[in-house]
Amino acid sequence: MKLEKACFIKSIMFMFILLIFLPGIHGIKQEATSQSGTIEKIDRDFKFITVNGAKILLSGNTKIMDEQGNILKTDILKIKLSVVIEGARSPEGFLAQKIIITTPKTKP
């Protein structure tokens, strides 16, 4: 009887702890968004770029690709390059998940 009661109390405590800490583990929900423009500034260490006056954070998980989907290296990023950036707002700023290098549309 005592063993059953102890197991019951431990399982209740475990569920209570999960309910308290599980939302914190997932963190703040990040809303995915995209923006386009031209690169105005590039950090020397490729930690961020500036596009349309907004600081875009880069991470090791940021994928850089062309319009065909080919993966490119970080050093391909240059000032005045047209890009579309997909990412999420975070407490630190806008975190880029994917940067697509585009060719500017020419007017006929």
PDB file of N, CA and C in Angstrom:
ATOM      1  N   MET A   1       0.825  -1.188   0.000  1.00  0.00           N
ATOM      2  CA  MET A   1       0.000   0.000   0.000  1.00  0.00           C
ATOM      3  C   MET A   1       0.873   1.258   0.000  1.00  0.00           C
ATOM      4  N   LYS A   2       1.917   1.244   0.845  1.00  0.00           N
ATOM      5  CA  LYS A   2       2.792   2.404   0.915  1.00  0.00           C
ATOM      6  C   LYS A   2       3.538   2.609  -0.401  1.00  0.00           C
ATOM      7  N   LEU A   3       3.923   1.527  -1.065  1.00  0.00           N
ATOM      8  CA  LEU A   3       4.630   1.613  -2.338  1.00  0.00           C
ATOM      9  C   LEU A   3       3.734   2.218  -3.416  1.00  0.00           C
ATOM     10  N   GLU A   4       2.465   1.793  -3.455  1.00  0.00           N
ATOM     11  CA  GLU A   4       1.516   2.332  -4.423  1.00  0.00           C
ATOM     12  C   GLU A   4       1.287   3.834  -4.187  1.00  0.00           C
ATOM     13  N   LYS A   5       1.174   4.209  -2.937  1.00  0.00           N
ATOM     14  CA  LYS A   5       0.952   5.611  -2.596  1.00  0.00           C
ATOM     15  C   LYS A   5       2.175   6.455  -2.991  1.00  0.00           C
ATOM     16  N   ALA A   6       3.361   5.949  -2.749  1.00  0.00           N
ATOM     17  CA  ALA A   6       4.587   6.665  -3.099  1.00  0.00           C
ATOM     18  C   ALA A   6       4.701   6.828  -4.617  1.00  0.00           C
ATOM     19  N   CYS A   7       4.383   5.783  -5.374  1.00  0.00           N
ATOM     20  CA  CYS A   7       4.423   5.859  -6.836  1.00  0.00           C
ATOM     21  C   CYS A   7       3.393   6.856  -7.362  1.00  0.00           C
ATOM     22  N   PHE A   8       2.220   6.853  -6.769  1.00  0.00           N
ATOM     23  CA  PHE A   8       1.172   7.779  -7.173  1.00  0.00           C
ATOM     24  C   PHE A   8       1.616   9.224  -6.927  1.00  0.00           C
ATOM     25  N   ILE A   9       2.179   9.506  -5.781  1.00  0.00           N
ATOM     26  CA  ILE A   9       2.622  10.857  -5.449  1.00  0.00           C
ATOM     27  C   ILE A   9       3.759  11.289  -6.378  1.00  0.00           C
ATOM     28  N   LYS A  10       4.687  10.377  -6.667  1.00  0.00           N
ATOM     29  CA  LYS A  10       5.794  10.706  -7.573  1.00  0.00           C
ATOM     30  C   LYS A  10       5.286  11.003  -8.978  1.00  0.00           C
ATOM     31  N   SER A  11       4.314  10.238  -9.448  1.00  0.00           N
ATOM     32  CA  SER A  11       3.791  10.480 -10.795  1.00  0.00           C
ATOM     33  C   SER A  11       3.030  11.808 -10.858  1.00  0.00           C
ATOM     34  N   ILE A  12       2.299  12.151  -9.825  1.00  0.00           N
ATOM     35  CA  ILE A  12       1.600  13.445  -9.770  1.00  0.00           C
ATOM     36  C   ILE A  12       2.625  14.584  -9.767  1.00  0.00           C
ATOM     37  N   MET A  13       3.678  14.451  -8.989  1.00  0.00           N
ATOM     38  CA  MET A  13       4.722  15.473  -8.923  1.00  0.00           C
ATOM     39  C   MET A  13       5.392  15.629 -10.294  1.00  0.00           C
ATOM     40  N   PHE A  14       5.661  14.527 -10.970  1.00  0.00           N
ATOM     41  CA  PHE A  14       6.292  14.560 -12.283  1.00  0.00           C
ATOM     42  C   PHE A  14       5.410  15.298 -13.291  1.00  0.00           C
ATOM     43  N   MET A  15       4.111  14.990 -13.311  1.00  0.00           N
ATOM     44  CA  MET A  15       3.190  15.678 -14.222  1.00  0.00           C
ATOM     45  C   MET A  15       3.104  17.163 -13.886  1.00  0.00           C
ATOM     46  N   PHE A  16       3.094  17.510 -12.627  1.00  0.00           N
ATOM     47  CA  PHE A  16       3.041  18.903 -12.195  1.00  0.00           C
ATOM     48  C   PHE A  16       4.284  19.656 -12.674  1.00  0.00           C
ATOM     49  N   ILE A  17       5.443  19.056 -12.539  1.00  0.00           N
ATOM     50  CA  ILE A  17       6.692  19.675 -12.994  1.00  0.00           C
ATOM     51  C   ILE A  17       6.676  19.860 -14.512  1.00  0.00           C
ATOM     52  N   LEU A  18       6.197  18.880 -15.238  1.00  0.00           N
ATOM     53  CA  LEU A  18       6.102  19.011 -16.687  1.00  0.00           C
ATOM     54  C   LEU A  18       5.190  20.169 -17.090  1.00  0.00           C
ATOM     55  N   LEU A  19       4.060  20.285 -16.424  1.00  0.00           N
ATOM     56  CA  LEU A  19       3.133  21.368 -16.731  1.00  0.00           C
ATOM     57  C   LEU A  19       3.747  22.740 -16.480  1.00  0.00           C
ATOM     58  N   ILE A  20       4.599  22.828 -15.491  1.00  0.00           N
ATOM     59  CA  ILE A  20       5.217  24.106 -15.165  1.00  0.00           C
ATOM     60  C   ILE A  20       6.346  24.446 -16.130  1.00  0.00           C
ATOM     61  N   PHE A  21       7.225  23.494 -16.399  1.00  0.00           N
ATOM     62  CA  PHE A  21       8.439  23.788 -17.152  1.00  0.00           C
ATOM     63  C   PHE A  21       8.360  23.540 -18.648  1.00  0.00           C
ATOM     64  N   LEU A  22       7.428  22.748 -19.120  1.00  0.00           N
ATOM     65  CA  LEU A  22       7.354  22.426 -20.544  1.00  0.00           C
ATOM     66  C   LEU A  22       7.147  23.658 -21.425  1.00  0.00           C
ATOM     67  N   PRO A  23       6.271  24.600 -21.091  1.00  0.00           N
ATOM     68  CA  PRO A  23       6.146  25.793 -21.943  1.00  0.00           C
ATOM     69  C   PRO A  23       7.448  26.587 -22.026  1.00  0.00           C
ATOM     70  N   GLY A  24       8.233  26.641 -20.982  1.00  0.00           N
ATOM     71  CA  GLY A  24       9.501  27.358 -20.987  1.00  0.00           C
ATOM     72  C   GLY A  24      10.553  26.693 -21.843  1.00  0.00           C
ATOM     73  N   ILE A  25      10.479  25.391 -21.985  1.00  0.00           N
ATOM     74  CA  ILE A  25      11.444  24.656 -22.799  1.00  0.00           C
ATOM     75  C   ILE A  25      11.274  25.015 -24.274  1.00  0.00           C
ATOM     76  N   HIS A  26      10.040  25.182 -24.706  1.00  0.00           N
ATOM     77  CA  HIS A  26       9.776  25.525 -26.098  1.00  0.00           C
ATOM     78  C   HIS A  26      10.148  26.961 -26.410  1.00  0.00           C
ATOM     79  N   GLY A  27      10.230  27.794 -25.416  1.00  0.00           N
ATOM     80  CA  GLY A  27      10.617  29.193 -25.613  1.00  0.00           C
ATOM     81  C   GLY A  27       9.481  30.015 -26.177  1.00  0.00           C
ATOM     82  N   ILE A  28       9.822  31.210 -26.563  1.00  0.00           N
ATOM     83  CA  ILE A  28       8.841  32.123 -27.122  1.00  0.00           C
ATOM     84  C   ILE A  28       8.544  31.696 -28.554  1.00  0.00           C
ATOM     85  N   LYS A  29       7.273  31.650 -28.883  1.00  0.00           N
ATOM     86  CA  LYS A  29       6.876  31.249 -30.229  1.00  0.00           C
ATOM     87  C   LYS A  29       7.373  32.282 -31.229  1.00  0.00           C
ATOM     88  N   GLN A  30       8.045  31.816 -32.253  1.00  0.00           N
ATOM     89  CA  GLN A  30       8.592  32.701 -33.260  1.00  0.00           C
ATOM     90  C   GLN A  30       7.707  32.637 -34.498  1.00  0.00           C
ATOM     91  N   GLU A  31       7.335  33.802 -34.989  1.00  0.00           N
ATOM     92  CA  GLU A  31       6.477  33.882 -36.155  1.00  0.00           C
ATOM     93  C   GLU A  31       7.330  33.963 -37.414  1.00  0.00           C
ATOM     94  N   ALA A  32       7.128  33.031 -38.322  1.00  0.00           N
ATOM     95  CA  ALA A  32       7.904  33.010 -39.559  1.00  0.00           C
ATOM     96  C   ALA A  32       7.434  34.129 -40.480  1.00  0.00           C
ATOM     97  N   THR A  33       8.377  34.765 -41.132  1.00  0.00           N
ATOM     98  CA  THR A  33       8.074  35.861 -42.049  1.00  0.00           C
ATOM     99  C   THR A  33       9.178  35.952 -43.091  1.00  0.00           C
ATOM    100  N   SER A  34       8.950  36.743 -44.111  1.00  0.00           N
ATOM    101  CA  SER A  34       9.988  36.938 -45.120  1.00  0.00           C
ATOM    102  C   SER A  34      10.039  38.403 -45.521  1.00  0.00           C
ATOM    103  N   GLN A  35      11.177  38.808 -46.027  1.00  0.00           N
ATOM    104  CA  GLN A  35      11.341  40.163 -46.536  1.00  0.00           C
ATOM    105  C   GLN A  35      12.363  40.125 -47.659  1.00  0.00           C
ATOM    106  N   SER A  36      12.291  41.132 -48.524  1.00  0.00           N
ATOM    107  CA  SER A  36      13.229  41.187 -49.638  1.00  0.00           C
ATOM    108  C   SER A  36      13.858  42.568 -49.710  1.00  0.00           C
ATOM    109  N   GLY A  37      14.977  42.639 -50.389  1.00  0.00           N
ATOM    110  CA  GLY A  37      15.682  43.904 -50.548  1.00  0.00           C
ATOM    111  C   GLY A  37      17.094  43.665 -51.002  1.00  0.00           C
ATOM    112  N   THR A  38      17.928  44.676 -50.816  1.00  0.00           N
ATOM    113  CA  THR A  38      19.329  44.551 -51.182  1.00  0.00           C
ATOM    114  C   THR A  38      20.200  44.654 -49.934  1.00  0.00           C
ATOM    115  N   ILE A  39      21.293  43.942 -49.957  1.00  0.00           N
ATOM    116  CA  ILE A  39      22.213  43.945 -48.820  1.00  0.00           C
ATOM    117  C   ILE A  39      22.928  45.290 -48.779  1.00  0.00           C
ATOM    118  N   GLU A  40      22.853  45.953 -47.625  1.00  0.00           N
ATOM    119  CA  GLU A  40      23.490  47.255 -47.460  1.00  0.00           C
ATOM    120  C   GLU A  40      24.805  47.169 -46.691  1.00  0.00           C
ATOM    121  N   LYS A  41      24.886  46.202 -45.789  1.00  0.00           N
ATOM    122  CA  LYS A  41      26.073  46.062 -44.939  1.00  0.00           C
ATOM    123  C   LYS A  41      26.247  44.596 -44.575  1.00  0.00           C
ATOM    124  N   ILE A  42      27.505  44.181 -44.466  1.00  0.00           N
ATOM    125  CA  ILE A  42      27.832  42.808 -44.072  1.00  0.00           C
ATOM    126  C   ILE A  42      28.827  42.863 -42.928  1.00  0.00           C
ATOM    127  N   ASP A  43      28.519  42.148 -41.850  1.00  0.00           N
ATOM    128  CA  ASP A  43      29.446  42.064 -40.722  1.00  0.00           C
ATOM    129  C   ASP A  43      30.699  41.328 -41.166  1.00  0.00           C
ATOM    130  N   ARG A  44      31.826  41.761 -40.645  1.00  0.00           N
ATOM    131  CA  ARG A  44      33.113  41.174 -41.016  1.00  0.00           C
ATOM    132  C   ARG A  44      33.149  39.669 -40.731  1.00  0.00           C
ATOM    133  N   ASP A  45      32.489  39.230 -39.651  1.00  0.00           N
ATOM    134  CA  ASP A  45      32.488  37.815 -39.272  1.00  0.00           C
ATOM    135  C   ASP A  45      31.254  37.066 -39.770  1.00  0.00           C
ATOM    136  N   PHE A  46      30.452  37.697 -40.629  1.00  0.00           N
ATOM    137  CA  PHE A  46      29.223  37.117 -41.163  1.00  0.00           C
ATOM    138  C   PHE A  46      28.251  36.709 -40.056  1.00  0.00           C
ATOM    139  N   LYS A  47      28.170  37.508 -38.989  1.00  0.00           N
ATOM    140  CA  LYS A  47      27.205  37.241 -37.921  1.00  0.00           C
ATOM    141  C   LYS A  47      25.874  37.910 -38.224  1.00  0.00           C
ATOM    142  N   PHE A  48      25.903  38.969 -39.031  1.00  0.00           N
ATOM    143  CA  PHE A  48      24.674  39.635 -39.447  1.00  0.00           C
ATOM    144  C   PHE A  48      24.906  40.396 -40.746  1.00  0.00           C
ATOM    145  N   ILE A  49      23.791  40.686 -41.408  1.00  0.00           N
ATOM    146  CA  ILE A  49      23.796  41.565 -42.567  1.00  0.00           C
ATOM    147  C   ILE A  49      22.703  42.607 -42.345  1.00  0.00           C
ATOM    148  N   THR A  50      22.766  43.693 -43.092  1.00  0.00           N
ATOM    149  CA  THR A  50      21.726  44.713 -43.011  1.00  0.00           C
ATOM    150  C   THR A  50      21.027  44.778 -44.363  1.00  0.00           C
ATOM    151  N   VAL A  51      19.700  44.636 -44.337  1.00  0.00           N
ATOM    152  CA  VAL A  51      18.878  44.695 -45.543  1.00  0.00           C
ATOM    153  C   VAL A  51      17.745  45.674 -45.272  1.00  0.00           C
ATOM    154  N   ASN A  52      17.626  46.693 -46.118  1.00  0.00           N
ATOM    155  CA  ASN A  52      16.588  47.723 -45.966  1.00  0.00           C
ATOM    156  C   ASN A  52      16.606  48.346 -44.570  1.00  0.00           C
ATOM    157  N   GLY A  53      17.778  48.539 -44.023  1.00  0.00           N
ATOM    158  CA  GLY A  53      17.925  49.155 -42.714  1.00  0.00           C
ATOM    159  C   GLY A  53      17.687  48.225 -41.542  1.00  0.00           C
ATOM    160  N   ALA A  54      17.328  46.973 -41.797  1.00  0.00           N
ATOM    161  CA  ALA A  54      17.062  46.001 -40.730  1.00  0.00           C
ATOM    162  C   ALA A  54      18.258  45.076 -40.551  1.00  0.00           C
ATOM    163  N   LYS A  55      18.614  44.823 -39.296  1.00  0.00           N
ATOM    164  CA  LYS A  55      19.716  43.917 -38.977  1.00  0.00           C
ATOM    165  C   LYS A  55      19.190  42.485 -39.021  1.00  0.00           C
ATOM    166  N   ILE A  56      19.801  41.664 -39.863  1.00  0.00           N
ATOM    167  CA  ILE A  56      19.404  40.269 -40.044  1.00  0.00           C
ATOM    168  C   ILE A  56      20.504  39.402 -39.450  1.00  0.00           C
ATOM    169  N   LEU A  57      20.153  38.622 -38.435  1.00  0.00           N
ATOM    170  CA  LEU A  57      21.132  37.750 -37.775  1.00  0.00           C
ATOM    171  C   LEU A  57      21.324  36.474 -38.569  1.00  0.00           C
ATOM    172  N   LEU A  58      22.574  36.046 -38.696  1.00  0.00           N
ATOM    173  CA  LEU A  58      22.912  34.801 -39.373  1.00  0.00           C
ATOM    174  C   LEU A  58      23.396  33.795 -38.341  1.00  0.00           C
ATOM    175  N   SER A  59      23.134  32.536 -38.584  1.00  0.00           N
ATOM    176  CA  SER A  59      23.623  31.482 -37.689  1.00  0.00           C
ATOM    177  C   SER A  59      24.201  30.357 -38.532  1.00  0.00           C
ATOM    178  N   GLY A  60      24.711  29.354 -37.878  1.00  0.00           N
ATOM    179  CA  GLY A  60      25.235  28.191 -38.589  1.00  0.00           C
ATOM    180  C   GLY A  60      24.147  27.429 -39.320  1.00  0.00           C
ATOM    181  N   ASN A  61      22.882  27.641 -38.924  1.00  0.00           N
ATOM    182  CA  ASN A  61      21.753  26.961 -39.564  1.00  0.00           C
ATOM    183  C   ASN A  61      21.159  27.754 -40.723  1.00  0.00           C
ATOM    184  N   THR A  62      21.639  28.973 -40.947  1.00  0.00           N
ATOM    185  CA  THR A  62      21.121  29.794 -42.039  1.00  0.00           C
ATOM    186  C   THR A  62      21.581  29.206 -43.375  1.00  0.00           C
ATOM    187  N   LYS A  63      20.616  28.923 -44.251  1.00  0.00           N
ATOM    188  CA  LYS A  63      20.934  28.374 -45.569  1.00  0.00           C
ATOM    189  C   LYS A  63      20.954  29.508 -46.579  1.00  0.00           C
ATOM    190  N   ILE A  64      21.989  29.543 -47.394  1.00  0.00           N
ATOM    191  CA  ILE A  64      22.112  30.534 -48.455  1.00  0.00           C
ATOM    192  C   ILE A  64      22.010  29.780 -49.774  1.00  0.00           C
ATOM    193  N   MET A  65      21.095  30.227 -50.633  1.00  0.00           N
ATOM    194  CA  MET A  65      20.874  29.504 -51.884  1.00  0.00           C
ATOM    195  C   MET A  65      20.497  30.455 -53.003  1.00  0.00           C
ATOM    196  N   ASP A  66      20.603  29.948 -54.231  1.00  0.00           N
ATOM    197  CA  ASP A  66      20.174  30.726 -55.379  1.00  0.00           C
ATOM    198  C   ASP A  66      18.715  30.386 -55.683  1.00  0.00           C
ATOM    199  N   GLU A  67      18.174  30.987 -56.723  1.00  0.00           N
ATOM    200  CA  GLU A  67      16.758  30.787 -57.064  1.00  0.00           C
ATOM    201  C   GLU A  67      16.442  29.362 -57.506  1.00  0.00           C
ATOM    202  N   GLN A  68      17.455  28.636 -57.953  1.00  0.00           N
ATOM    203  CA  GLN A  68      17.247  27.241 -58.359  1.00  0.00           C
ATOM    204  C   GLN A  68      17.328  26.272 -57.175  1.00  0.00           C
ATOM    205  N   GLY A  69      17.697  26.763 -56.005  1.00  0.00           N
ATOM    206  CA  GLY A  69      17.779  25.919 -54.814  1.00  0.00           C
ATOM    207  C   GLY A  69      19.158  25.373 -54.530  1.00  0.00           C
ATOM    208  N   ASN A  70      20.160  25.816 -55.271  1.00  0.00           N
ATOM    209  CA  ASN A  70      21.530  25.364 -55.041  1.00  0.00           C
ATOM    210  C   ASN A  70      22.077  26.026 -53.781  1.00  0.00           C
ATOM    211  N   ILE A  71      22.665  25.233 -52.898  1.00  0.00           N
ATOM    212  CA  ILE A  71      23.242  25.746 -51.660  1.00  0.00           C
ATOM    213  C   ILE A  71      24.550  26.466 -51.981  1.00  0.00           C
ATOM    214  N   LEU A  72      24.702  27.664 -51.407  1.00  0.00           N
ATOM    215  CA  LEU A  72      25.894  28.476 -51.633  1.00  0.00           C
ATOM    216  C   LEU A  72      26.610  28.728 -50.310  1.00  0.00           C
ATOM    217  N   LYS A  73      27.852  29.170 -50.397  1.00  0.00           N
ATOM    218  CA  LYS A  73      28.634  29.482 -49.201  1.00  0.00           C
ATOM    219  C   LYS A  73      28.360  30.916 -48.757  1.00  0.00           C
ATOM    220  N   THR A  74      28.654  31.208 -47.511  1.00  0.00           N
ATOM    221  CA  THR A  74      28.414  32.527 -46.930  1.00  0.00           C
ATOM    222  C   THR A  74      29.182  33.619 -47.652  1.00  0.00           C
ATOM    223  N   ASP A  75      30.375  33.314 -48.132  1.00  0.00           N
ATOM    224  CA  ASP A  75      31.199  34.352 -48.759  1.00  0.00           C
ATOM    225  C   ASP A  75      30.642  34.851 -50.095  1.00  0.00           C
ATOM    226  N   ILE A  76      29.552  34.269 -50.575  1.00  0.00           N
ATOM    227  CA  ILE A  76      28.900  34.746 -51.796  1.00  0.00           C
ATOM    228  C   ILE A  76      28.137  36.047 -51.539  1.00  0.00           C
ATOM    229  N   LEU A  77      27.813  36.314 -50.269  1.00  0.00           N
ATOM    230  CA  LEU A  77      27.066  37.523 -49.920  1.00  0.00           C
ATOM    231  C   LEU A  77      27.915  38.763 -50.167  1.00  0.00           C
ATOM    232  N   LYS A  78      27.368  39.692 -50.924  1.00  0.00           N
ATOM    233  CA  LYS A  78      28.050  40.939 -51.262  1.00  0.00           C
ATOM    234  C   LYS A  78      27.073  42.099 -51.101  1.00  0.00           C
ATOM    235  N   ILE A  79      27.619  43.292 -50.905  1.00  0.00           N
ATOM    236  CA  ILE A  79      26.800  44.500 -50.819  1.00  0.00           C
ATOM    237  C   ILE A  79      26.127  44.737 -52.169  1.00  0.00           C
ATOM    238  N   LYS A  80      24.893  45.229 -52.145  1.00  0.00           N
ATOM    239  CA  LYS A  80      24.040  45.532 -53.303  1.00  0.00           C
ATOM    240  C   LYS A  80      23.481  44.282 -53.973  1.00  0.00           C
ATOM    241  N   LEU A  81      23.602  43.133 -53.330  1.00  0.00           N
ATOM    242  CA  LEU A  81      23.048  41.893 -53.859  1.00  0.00           C
ATOM    243  C   LEU A  81      21.575  41.819 -53.474  1.00  0.00           C
ATOM    244  N   SER A  82      20.701  41.462 -54.424  1.00  0.00           N
ATOM    245  CA  SER A  82      19.266  41.329 -54.158  1.00  0.00           C
ATOM    246  C   SER A  82      18.998  39.991 -53.483  1.00  0.00           C
ATOM    247  N   VAL A  83      18.234  40.025 -52.377  1.00  0.00           N
ATOM    248  CA  VAL A  83      17.956  38.807 -51.622  1.00  0.00           C
ATOM    249  C   VAL A  83      16.501  38.780 -51.142  1.00  0.00           C
ATOM    250  N   VAL A  84      16.024  37.573 -50.902  1.00  0.00           N
ATOM    251  CA  VAL A  84      14.774  37.333 -50.194  1.00  0.00           C
ATOM    252  C   VAL A  84      15.162  36.543 -48.954  1.00  0.00           C
ATOM    253  N   ILE A  85      14.738  37.026 -47.798  1.00  0.00           N
ATOM    254  CA  ILE A  85      15.130  36.401 -46.540  1.00  0.00           C
ATOM    255  C   ILE A  85      13.899  35.821 -45.860  1.00  0.00           C
ATOM    256  N   GLU A  86      13.979  34.536 -45.520  1.00  0.00           N
ATOM    257  CA  GLU A  86      12.926  33.873 -44.757  1.00  0.00           C
ATOM    258  C   GLU A  86      13.481  33.613 -43.372  1.00  0.00           C
ATOM    259  N   GLY A  87      12.708  33.927 -42.369  1.00  0.00           N
ATOM    260  CA  GLY A  87      13.184  33.738 -41.005  1.00  0.00           C
ATOM    261  C   GLY A  87      12.105  34.016 -39.993  1.00  0.00           C
ATOM    262  N   ALA A  88      12.535  34.301 -38.778  1.00  0.00           N
ATOM    263  CA  ALA A  88      11.604  34.527 -37.677  1.00  0.00           C
ATOM    264  C   ALA A  88      12.124  35.624 -36.773  1.00  0.00           C
ATOM    265  N   ARG A  89      11.206  36.373 -36.239  1.00  0.00           N
ATOM    266  CA  ARG A  89      11.570  37.389 -35.253  1.00  0.00           C
ATOM    267  C   ARG A  89      11.839  36.686 -33.937  1.00  0.00           C
ATOM    268  N   SER A  90      12.907  37.105 -33.290  1.00  0.00           N
ATOM    269  CA  SER A  90      13.268  36.553 -31.985  1.00  0.00           C
ATOM    270  C   SER A  90      13.596  37.724 -31.074  1.00  0.00           C
ATOM    271  N   PRO A  91      13.800  37.474 -29.788  1.00  0.00           N
ATOM    272  CA  PRO A  91      14.145  38.579 -28.885  1.00  0.00           C
ATOM    273  C   PRO A  91      15.427  39.299 -29.293  1.00  0.00           C
ATOM    274  N   GLU A  92      16.336  38.618 -29.992  1.00  0.00           N
ATOM    275  CA  GLU A  92      17.598  39.224 -30.408  1.00  0.00           C
ATOM    276  C   GLU A  92      17.473  40.016 -31.696  1.00  0.00           C
ATOM    277  N   GLY A  93      16.400  39.825 -32.447  1.00  0.00           N
ATOM    278  CA  GLY A  93      16.220  40.491 -33.737  1.00  0.00           C
ATOM    279  C   GLY A  93      15.607  39.535 -34.740  1.00  0.00           C
ATOM    280  N   PHE A  94      15.838  39.787 -36.016  1.00  0.00           N
ATOM    281  CA  PHE A  94      15.318  38.925 -37.078  1.00  0.00           C
ATOM    282  C   PHE A  94      16.364  37.864 -37.394  1.00  0.00           C
ATOM    283  N   LEU A  95      16.035  36.605 -37.171  1.00  0.00           N
ATOM    284  CA  LEU A  95      16.963  35.502 -37.381  1.00  0.00           C
ATOM    285  C   LEU A  95      16.669  34.853 -38.730  1.00  0.00           C
ATOM    286  N   ALA A  96      17.646  34.924 -39.643  1.00  0.00           N
ATOM    287  CA  ALA A  96      17.484  34.369 -40.992  1.00  0.00           C
ATOM    288  C   ALA A  96      17.610  32.855 -40.960  1.00  0.00           C
ATOM    289  N   GLN A  97      16.628  32.173 -41.528  1.00  0.00           N
ATOM    290  CA  GLN A  97      16.699  30.729 -41.682  1.00  0.00           C
ATOM    291  C   GLN A  97      17.144  30.362 -43.088  1.00  0.00           C
ATOM    292  N   LYS A  98      16.718  31.215 -44.068  1.00  0.00           N
ATOM    293  CA  LYS A  98      17.074  30.972 -45.464  1.00  0.00           C
ATOM    294  C   LYS A  98      17.261  32.313 -46.163  1.00  0.00           C
ATOM    295  N   ILE A  99      18.332  32.438 -46.926  1.00  0.00           N
ATOM    296  CA  ILE A  99      18.581  33.623 -47.741  1.00  0.00           C
ATOM    297  C   ILE A  99      18.652  33.159 -49.193  1.00  0.00           C
ATOM    298  N   ILE A 100      17.755  33.702 -50.008  1.00  0.00           N
ATOM    299  CA  ILE A 100      17.714  33.346 -51.427  1.00  0.00           C
ATOM    300  C   ILE A 100      18.223  34.534 -52.222  1.00  0.00           C
ATOM    301  N   ILE A 101      19.283  34.309 -52.988  1.00  0.00           N
ATOM    302  CA  ILE A 101      19.856  35.355 -53.820  1.00  0.00           C
ATOM    303  C   ILE A 101      19.035  35.408 -55.113  1.00  0.00           C
ATOM    304  N   THR A 102      18.522  36.599 -55.407  1.00  0.00           N
ATOM    305  CA  THR A 102      17.653  36.765 -56.561  1.00  0.00           C
ATOM    306  C   THR A 102      18.286  37.686 -57.587  1.00  0.00           C
ATOM    307  N   THR A 103      17.797  37.592 -58.814  1.00  0.00           N
ATOM    308  CA  THR A 103      18.221  38.534 -59.849  1.00  0.00           C
ATOM    309  C   THR A 103      17.163  39.619 -59.921  1.00  0.00           C
ATOM    310  N   PRO A 104      17.581  40.866 -59.929  1.00  0.00           N
ATOM    311  CA  PRO A 104      16.602  41.952 -59.980  1.00  0.00           C
ATOM    312  C   PRO A 104      15.783  41.882 -61.260  1.00  0.00           C
ATOM    313  N   LYS A 105      14.496  42.172 -61.149  1.00  0.00           N
ATOM    314  CA  LYS A 105      13.611  42.183 -62.304  1.00  0.00           C
ATOM    315  C   LYS A 105      13.862  43.451 -63.109  1.00  0.00           C
ATOM    316  N   THR A 106      14.078  43.298 -64.396  1.00  0.00           N
ATOM    317  CA  THR A 106      14.296  44.466 -65.251  1.00  0.00           C
ATOM    318  C   THR A 106      12.972  44.851 -65.909  1.00  0.00           C
ATOM    319  N   LYS A 107      12.751  46.146 -66.028  1.00  0.00           N
ATOM    320  CA  LYS A 107      11.527  46.634 -66.664  1.00  0.00           C
ATOM    321  C   LYS A 107      11.730  46.658 -68.172  1.00  0.00           C
ATOM    322  N   PRO A 108      10.735  46.166 -68.926  1.00  0.00           N
ATOM    323  CA  PRO A 108      10.872  46.141 -70.401  1.00  0.00           C
ATOM    324  C   PRO A 108      10.768  47.526 -70.997  1.00  0.00           C
TER     325      PRO A 108
END
